[in-house]
């Protein structure tokens, strides 16, 4: 009976050690993400709507949310 108890304790210890190793290997294999870079936001010179600079239309240093607003700025 004593040997069965020792065998069970050794088996449980081995299983815990094996799970820890698998989790450690999985953590090392996961791709590391770089923190998200914040987007530069600009306001439309016509209506004031804020949008990402990459989506905005630029004209003479001013940003616009769509072509209609840009064209209205060009025509007086």
PDB file of N, CA and C in Angstrom:
ATOM      1  N   UNK A   1       0.826  -1.186   0.000  1.00  0.00           N
ATOM      2  CA  UNK A   1       0.000   0.000   0.000  1.00  0.00           C
ATOM      3  C   UNK A   1       0.872   1.251   0.000  1.00  0.00           C
ATOM      4  N   UNK A   2       1.960   1.194   0.768  1.00  0.00           N
ATOM      5  CA  UNK A   2       2.868   2.329   0.868  1.00  0.00           C
ATOM      6  C   UNK A   2       3.472   2.639  -0.504  1.00  0.00           C
ATOM      7  N   UNK A   3       3.796   1.613  -1.273  1.00  0.00           N
ATOM      8  CA  UNK A   3       4.412   1.807  -2.583  1.00  0.00           C
ATOM      9  C   UNK A   3       3.429   2.414  -3.583  1.00  0.00           C
ATOM     10  N   UNK A   4       2.181   2.032  -3.476  1.00  0.00           N
ATOM     11  CA  UNK A   4       1.159   2.603  -4.359  1.00  0.00           C
ATOM     12  C   UNK A   4       0.992   4.085  -4.069  1.00  0.00           C
ATOM     13  N   UNK A   5       0.980   4.475  -2.813  1.00  0.00           N
ATOM     14  CA  UNK A   5       0.866   5.869  -2.422  1.00  0.00           C
ATOM     15  C   UNK A   5       2.058   6.664  -2.939  1.00  0.00           C
ATOM     16  N   UNK A   6       3.262   6.139  -2.795  1.00  0.00           N
ATOM     17  CA  UNK A   6       4.462   6.819  -3.302  1.00  0.00           C
ATOM     18  C   UNK A   6       4.384   6.940  -4.815  1.00  0.00           C
ATOM     19  N   UNK A   7       3.942   5.908  -5.492  1.00  0.00           N
ATOM     20  CA  UNK A   7       3.819   5.921  -6.941  1.00  0.00           C
ATOM     21  C   UNK A   7       2.803   6.980  -7.389  1.00  0.00           C
ATOM     22  N   UNK A   8       1.683   7.090  -6.698  1.00  0.00           N
ATOM     23  CA  UNK A   8       0.668   8.091  -7.028  1.00  0.00           C
ATOM     24  C   UNK A   8       1.222   9.498  -6.820  1.00  0.00           C
ATOM     25  N   UNK A   9       1.936   9.730  -5.736  1.00  0.00           N
ATOM     26  CA  UNK A   9       2.524  11.049  -5.466  1.00  0.00           C
ATOM     27  C   UNK A   9       3.544  11.406  -6.545  1.00  0.00           C
ATOM     28  N   UNK A  10       4.379  10.465  -6.937  1.00  0.00           N
ATOM     29  CA  UNK A  10       5.376  10.706  -7.989  1.00  0.00           C
ATOM     30  C   UNK A  10       4.670  11.001  -9.311  1.00  0.00           C
ATOM     31  N   UNK A  11       3.621  10.247  -9.622  1.00  0.00           N
ATOM     32  CA  UNK A  11       2.895  10.454 -10.874  1.00  0.00           C
ATOM     33  C   UNK A  11       2.238  11.837 -10.905  1.00  0.00           C
ATOM     34  N   UNK A  12       1.619  12.255  -9.810  1.00  0.00           N
ATOM     35  CA  UNK A  12       0.985  13.580  -9.737  1.00  0.00           C
ATOM     36  C   UNK A  12       2.043  14.673  -9.880  1.00  0.00           C
ATOM     37  N   UNK A  13       3.175  14.522  -9.235  1.00  0.00           N
ATOM     38  CA  UNK A  13       4.264  15.494  -9.363  1.00  0.00           C
ATOM     39  C   UNK A  13       4.767  15.590 -10.790  1.00  0.00           C
ATOM     40  N   UNK A  14       4.905  14.439 -11.454  1.00  0.00           N
ATOM     41  CA  UNK A  14       5.345  14.435 -12.844  1.00  0.00           C
ATOM     42  C   UNK A  14       4.339  15.149 -13.740  1.00  0.00           C
ATOM     43  N   UNK A  15       3.067  14.910 -13.527  1.00  0.00           N
ATOM     44  CA  UNK A  15       2.030  15.554 -14.342  1.00  0.00           C
ATOM     45  C   UNK A  15       2.043  17.078 -14.150  1.00  0.00           C
ATOM     46  N   UNK A  16       2.206  17.521 -12.918  1.00  0.00           N
ATOM     47  CA  UNK A  16       2.277  18.961 -12.659  1.00  0.00           C
ATOM     48  C   UNK A  16       3.501  19.573 -13.320  1.00  0.00           C
ATOM     49  N   UNK A  17       4.632  18.899 -13.236  1.00  0.00           N
ATOM     50  CA  UNK A  17       5.866  19.395 -13.853  1.00  0.00           C
ATOM     51  C   UNK A  17       5.709  19.462 -15.373  1.00  0.00           C
ATOM     52  N   UNK A  18       5.083  18.424 -15.953  1.00  0.00           N
ATOM     53  CA  UNK A  18       4.897  18.367 -17.401  1.00  0.00           C
ATOM     54  C   UNK A  18       3.973  19.491 -17.878  1.00  0.00           C
ATOM     55  N   UNK A  19       2.893  19.749 -17.166  1.00  0.00           N
ATOM     56  CA  UNK A  19       1.980  20.838 -17.537  1.00  0.00           C
ATOM     57  C   UNK A  19       2.673  22.189 -17.464  1.00  0.00           C
ATOM     58  N   UNK A  20       3.499  22.372 -16.451  1.00  0.00           N
ATOM     59  CA  UNK A  20       4.227  23.637 -16.313  1.00  0.00           C
ATOM     60  C   UNK A  20       5.188  23.826 -17.489  1.00  0.00           C
ATOM     61  N   UNK A  21       5.863  22.765 -17.888  1.00  0.00           N
ATOM     62  CA  UNK A  21       6.787  22.844 -19.024  1.00  0.00           C
ATOM     63  C   UNK A  21       6.054  23.146 -20.318  1.00  0.00           C
ATOM     64  N   UNK A  22       4.916  22.512 -20.534  1.00  0.00           N
ATOM     65  CA  UNK A  22       4.139  22.749 -21.750  1.00  0.00           C
ATOM     66  C   UNK A  22       3.653  24.194 -21.791  1.00  0.00           C
ATOM     67  N   UNK A  23       3.174  24.702 -20.667  1.00  0.00           N
ATOM     68  CA  UNK A  23       2.707  26.086 -20.606  1.00  0.00           C
ATOM     69  C   UNK A  23       3.863  27.052 -20.856  1.00  0.00           C
ATOM     70  N   UNK A  24       5.026  26.759 -20.320  1.00  0.00           N
ATOM     71  CA  UNK A  24       6.198  27.613 -20.511  1.00  0.00           C
ATOM     72  C   UNK A  24       6.618  27.626 -21.980  1.00  0.00           C
ATOM     73  N   UNK A  25       6.609  26.478 -22.629  1.00  0.00           N
ATOM     74  CA  UNK A  25       6.973  26.409 -24.041  1.00  0.00           C
ATOM     75  C   UNK A  25       5.952  27.140 -24.901  1.00  0.00           C
ATOM     76  N   UNK A  26       4.688  27.017 -24.579  1.00  0.00           N
ATOM     77  CA  UNK A  26       3.652  27.706 -25.336  1.00  0.00           C
ATOM     78  C   UNK A  26       3.792  29.217 -25.192  1.00  0.00           C
ATOM     79  N   UNK A  27       4.157  29.675 -24.006  1.00  0.00           N
ATOM     80  CA  UNK A  27       4.336  31.113 -23.793  1.00  0.00           C
ATOM     81  C   UNK A  27       5.514  31.639 -24.594  1.00  0.00           C
ATOM     82  N   UNK A  28       6.541  30.848 -24.755  1.00  0.00           N
ATOM     83  CA  UNK A  28       7.707  31.281 -25.521  1.00  0.00           C
ATOM     84  C   UNK A  28       7.419  31.290 -27.010  1.00  0.00           C
ATOM     85  N   UNK A  29       6.524  30.430 -27.476  1.00  0.00           N
ATOM     86  CA  UNK A  29       6.224  30.332 -28.893  1.00  0.00           C
ATOM     87  C   UNK A  29       5.221  31.379 -29.361  1.00  0.00           C
ATOM     88  N   UNK A  30       4.472  31.977 -28.450  1.00  0.00           N
ATOM     89  CA  UNK A  30       3.491  32.984 -28.838  1.00  0.00           C
ATOM     90  C   UNK A  30       4.196  34.200 -29.418  1.00  0.00           C
ATOM     91  N   UNK A  31       3.674  34.729 -30.505  1.00  0.00           N
ATOM     92  CA  UNK A  31       4.278  35.949 -31.047  1.00  0.00           C
ATOM     93  C   UNK A  31       4.034  37.119 -30.098  1.00  0.00           C
ATOM     94  N   UNK A  32       5.020  37.905 -29.928  1.00  0.00           N
ATOM     95  CA  UNK A  32       4.895  39.064 -29.044  1.00  0.00           C
ATOM     96  C   UNK A  32       4.353  40.241 -29.861  1.00  0.00           C
ATOM     97  N   UNK A  33       3.346  40.885 -29.314  1.00  0.00           N
ATOM     98  CA  UNK A  33       2.754  42.030 -30.002  1.00  0.00           C
ATOM     99  C   UNK A  33       3.420  43.316 -29.527  1.00  0.00           C
ATOM    100  N   UNK A  34       3.658  44.170 -30.477  1.00  0.00           N
ATOM    101  CA  UNK A  34       4.129  45.497 -30.125  1.00  0.00           C
ATOM    102  C   UNK A  34       2.921  46.315 -29.678  1.00  0.00           C
ATOM    103  N   UNK A  35       3.133  47.207 -28.750  1.00  0.00           N
ATOM    104  CA  UNK A  35       1.998  48.029 -28.328  1.00  0.00           C
ATOM    105  C   UNK A  35       1.470  48.824 -29.521  1.00  0.00           C
ATOM    106  N   UNK A  36       0.189  49.007 -29.562  1.00  0.00           N
ATOM    107  CA  UNK A  36      -0.427  49.724 -30.678  1.00  0.00           C
ATOM    108  C   UNK A  36       0.064  51.163 -30.711  1.00  0.00           C
ATOM    109  N   UNK A  37       0.394  51.604 -31.893  1.00  0.00           N
ATOM    110  CA  UNK A  37       0.841  52.982 -32.078  1.00  0.00           C
ATOM    111  C   UNK A  37      -0.415  53.832 -32.245  1.00  0.00           C
ATOM    112  N   UNK A  38      -0.561  54.885 -31.463  1.00  0.00           N
ATOM    113  CA  UNK A  38      -1.761  55.706 -31.580  1.00  0.00           C
ATOM    114  C   UNK A  38      -1.804  56.422 -32.935  1.00  0.00           C
ATOM    115  N   UNK A  39      -2.998  56.550 -33.476  1.00  0.00           N
ATOM    116  CA  UNK A  39      -3.160  57.221 -34.761  1.00  0.00           C
ATOM    117  C   UNK A  39      -3.267  58.721 -34.528  1.00  0.00           C
ATOM    118  N   UNK A  40      -2.705  59.483 -35.455  1.00  0.00           N
ATOM    119  CA  UNK A  40      -2.794  60.937 -35.389  1.00  0.00           C
ATOM    120  C   UNK A  40      -4.175  61.336 -35.888  1.00  0.00           C
ATOM    121  N   UNK A  41      -4.895  62.087 -35.073  1.00  0.00           N
ATOM    122  CA  UNK A  41      -6.238  62.525 -35.429  1.00  0.00           C
ATOM    123  C   UNK A  41      -6.198  63.989 -35.832  1.00  0.00           C
ATOM    124  N   UNK A  42      -6.963  64.334 -36.862  1.00  0.00           N
ATOM    125  CA  UNK A  42      -7.061  65.720 -37.325  1.00  0.00           C
ATOM    126  C   UNK A  42      -8.531  66.085 -37.442  1.00  0.00           C
ATOM    127  N   UNK A  43      -8.796  67.378 -37.437  1.00  0.00           N
ATOM    128  CA  UNK A  43     -10.167  67.867 -37.575  1.00  0.00           C
ATOM    129  C   UNK A  43     -10.371  68.394 -38.987  1.00  0.00           C
ATOM    130  N   UNK A  44     -11.543  68.130 -39.535  1.00  0.00           N
ATOM    131  CA  UNK A  44     -11.893  68.647 -40.854  1.00  0.00           C
ATOM    132  C   UNK A  44     -11.985  70.176 -40.751  1.00  0.00           C
ATOM    133  N   UNK A  45     -11.355  70.872 -41.692  1.00  0.00           N
ATOM    134  CA  UNK A  45     -11.361  72.337 -41.670  1.00  0.00           C
ATOM    135  C   UNK A  45     -12.742  72.892 -41.991  1.00  0.00           C
ATOM    136  N   UNK A  46     -13.613  72.097 -42.566  1.00  0.00           N
ATOM    137  CA  UNK A  46     -14.946  72.579 -42.927  1.00  0.00           C
ATOM    138  C   UNK A  46     -15.976  72.317 -41.828  1.00  0.00           C
ATOM    139  N   UNK A  47     -16.060  71.064 -41.374  1.00  0.00           N
ATOM    140  CA  UNK A  47     -17.122  70.712 -40.421  1.00  0.00           C
ATOM    141  C   UNK A  47     -16.608  70.408 -39.010  1.00  0.00           C
ATOM    142  N   UNK A  48     -15.296  70.225 -38.846  1.00  0.00           N
ATOM    143  CA  UNK A  48     -14.735  69.978 -37.527  1.00  0.00           C
ATOM    144  C   UNK A  48     -14.743  68.530 -37.088  1.00  0.00           C
ATOM    145  N   UNK A  49     -15.193  67.626 -37.941  1.00  0.00           N
ATOM    146  CA  UNK A  49     -15.208  66.203 -37.602  1.00  0.00           C
ATOM    147  C   UNK A  49     -13.778  65.696 -37.460  1.00  0.00           C
ATOM    148  N   UNK A  50     -13.519  64.940 -36.409  1.00  0.00           N
ATOM    149  CA  UNK A  50     -12.190  64.372 -36.202  1.00  0.00           C
ATOM    150  C   UNK A  50     -12.102  63.020 -36.898  1.00  0.00           C
ATOM    151  N   UNK A  51     -10.969  62.788 -37.567  1.00  0.00           N
ATOM    152  CA  UNK A  51     -10.733  61.536 -38.259  1.00  0.00           C
ATOM    153  C   UNK A  51      -9.239  61.265 -38.289  1.00  0.00           C
ATOM    154  N   UNK A  52      -8.840  60.007 -38.527  1.00  0.00           N
ATOM    155  CA  UNK A  52      -7.412  59.703 -38.601  1.00  0.00           C
ATOM    156  C   UNK A  52      -6.760  60.460 -39.761  1.00  0.00           C
ATOM    157  N   UNK A  53      -5.555  60.916 -39.556  1.00  0.00           N
ATOM    158  CA  UNK A  53      -4.856  61.688 -40.585  1.00  0.00           C
ATOM    159  C   UNK A  53      -4.674  60.859 -41.856  1.00  0.00           C
ATOM    160  N   UNK A  54      -4.521  59.549 -41.711  1.00  0.00           N
ATOM    161  CA  UNK A  54      -4.335  58.696 -42.886  1.00  0.00           C
ATOM    162  C   UNK A  54      -5.593  58.638 -43.752  1.00  0.00           C
ATOM    163  N   UNK A  55      -6.776  58.904 -43.194  1.00  0.00           N
ATOM    164  CA  UNK A  55      -8.026  58.892 -43.951  1.00  0.00           C
ATOM    165  C   UNK A  55      -8.410  60.281 -44.455  1.00  0.00           C
ATOM    166  N   UNK A  56      -7.746  61.314 -43.976  1.00  0.00           N
ATOM    167  CA  UNK A  56      -8.113  62.685 -44.319  1.00  0.00           C
ATOM    168  C   UNK A  56      -7.520  63.091 -45.664  1.00  0.00           C
ATOM    169  N   UNK A  57      -8.192  64.047 -46.300  1.00  0.00           N
ATOM    170  CA  UNK A  57      -7.699  64.638 -47.543  1.00  0.00           C
ATOM    171  C   UNK A  57      -7.024  65.954 -47.181  1.00  0.00           C
ATOM    172  N   UNK A  58      -5.786  66.142 -47.606  1.00  0.00           N
ATOM    173  CA  UNK A  58      -5.028  67.342 -47.244  1.00  0.00           C
ATOM    174  C   UNK A  58      -4.987  68.322 -48.413  1.00  0.00           C
ATOM    175  N   UNK A  59      -5.049  69.609 -48.083  1.00  0.00           N
ATOM    176  CA  UNK A  59      -4.927  70.666 -49.085  1.00  0.00           C
ATOM    177  C   UNK A  59      -4.395  71.906 -48.390  1.00  0.00           C
ATOM    178  N   UNK A  60      -3.241  72.367 -48.802  1.00  0.00           N
ATOM    179  CA  UNK A  60      -2.615  73.587 -48.252  1.00  0.00           C
ATOM    180  C   UNK A  60      -2.501  73.539 -46.731  1.00  0.00           C
ATOM    181  N   UNK A  61      -2.140  72.401 -46.186  1.00  0.00           N
ATOM    182  CA  UNK A  61      -1.937  72.266 -44.753  1.00  0.00           C
ATOM    183  C   UNK A  61      -3.215  72.067 -43.955  1.00  0.00           C
ATOM    184  N   UNK A  62      -4.370  72.066 -44.627  1.00  0.00           N
ATOM    185  CA  UNK A  62      -5.651  71.825 -43.955  1.00  0.00           C
ATOM    186  C   UNK A  62      -6.109  70.415 -44.299  1.00  0.00           C
ATOM    187  N   UNK A  63      -6.881  69.818 -43.402  1.00  0.00           N
ATOM    188  CA  UNK A  63      -7.383  68.458 -43.611  1.00  0.00           C
ATOM    189  C   UNK A  63      -8.898  68.487 -43.744  1.00  0.00           C
ATOM    190  N   UNK A  64      -9.410  67.585 -44.582  1.00  0.00           N
ATOM    191  CA  UNK A  64     -10.844  67.520 -44.846  1.00  0.00           C
ATOM    192  C   UNK A  64     -11.309  66.072 -44.758  1.00  0.00           C
ATOM    193  N   UNK A  65     -12.578  65.879 -44.371  1.00  0.00           N
ATOM    194  CA  UNK A  65     -13.091  64.522 -44.202  1.00  0.00           C
ATOM    195  C   UNK A  65     -13.568  63.913 -45.510  1.00  0.00           C
ATOM    196  N   UNK A  66     -13.904  64.741 -46.510  1.00  0.00           N
ATOM    197  CA  UNK A  66     -14.297  64.193 -47.817  1.00  0.00           C
ATOM    198  C   UNK A  66     -13.990  65.208 -48.908  1.00  0.00           C
ATOM    199  N   UNK A  67     -14.125  64.774 -50.149  1.00  0.00           N
ATOM    200  CA  UNK A  67     -13.773  65.622 -51.291  1.00  0.00           C
ATOM    201  C   UNK A  67     -14.705  66.819 -51.414  1.00  0.00           C
ATOM    202  N   UNK A  68     -15.973  66.668 -51.057  1.00  0.00           N
ATOM    203  CA  UNK A  68     -16.919  67.778 -51.132  1.00  0.00           C
ATOM    204  C   UNK A  68     -16.484  68.922 -50.222  1.00  0.00           C
ATOM    205  N   UNK A  69     -16.088  68.608 -49.000  1.00  0.00           N
ATOM    206  CA  UNK A  69     -15.629  69.648 -48.079  1.00  0.00           C
ATOM    207  C   UNK A  69     -14.336  70.287 -48.569  1.00  0.00           C
ATOM    208  N   UNK A  70     -13.473  69.486 -49.150  1.00  0.00           N
ATOM    209  CA  UNK A  70     -12.220  70.039 -49.702  1.00  0.00           C
ATOM    210  C   UNK A  70     -12.533  70.987 -50.850  1.00  0.00           C
ATOM    211  N   UNK A  71     -13.446  70.598 -51.723  1.00  0.00           N
ATOM    212  CA  UNK A  71     -13.792  71.425 -52.877  1.00  0.00           C
ATOM    213  C   UNK A  71     -14.498  72.707 -52.449  1.00  0.00           C
ATOM    214  N   UNK A  72     -15.301  72.656 -51.415  1.00  0.00           N
ATOM    215  CA  UNK A  72     -15.963  73.871 -50.914  1.00  0.00           C
ATOM    216  C   UNK A  72     -14.948  74.852 -50.355  1.00  0.00           C
ATOM    217  N   UNK A  73     -13.859  74.309 -49.795  1.00  0.00           N
ATOM    218  CA  UNK A  73     -12.806  75.168 -49.242  1.00  0.00           C
ATOM    219  C   UNK A  73     -12.056  75.877 -50.369  1.00  0.00           C
ATOM    220  N   UNK A  74     -11.909  75.222 -51.501  1.00  0.00           N
ATOM    221  CA  UNK A  74     -11.190  75.810 -52.635  1.00  0.00           C
ATOM    222  C   UNK A  74     -12.033  76.897 -53.275  1.00  0.00           C
ATOM    223  N   UNK A  75     -13.335  76.627 -53.470  1.00  0.00           N
ATOM    224  CA  UNK A  75     -14.224  77.618 -54.082  1.00  0.00           C
ATOM    225  C   UNK A  75     -14.786  78.539 -53.002  1.00  0.00           C
ATOM    226  N   UNK A  76     -14.697  79.834 -53.182  1.00  0.00           N
ATOM    227  CA  UNK A  76     -15.277  80.747 -52.173  1.00  0.00           C
ATOM    228  C   UNK A  76     -16.778  80.840 -52.253  1.00  0.00           C
TER     229      UNK A  76
END
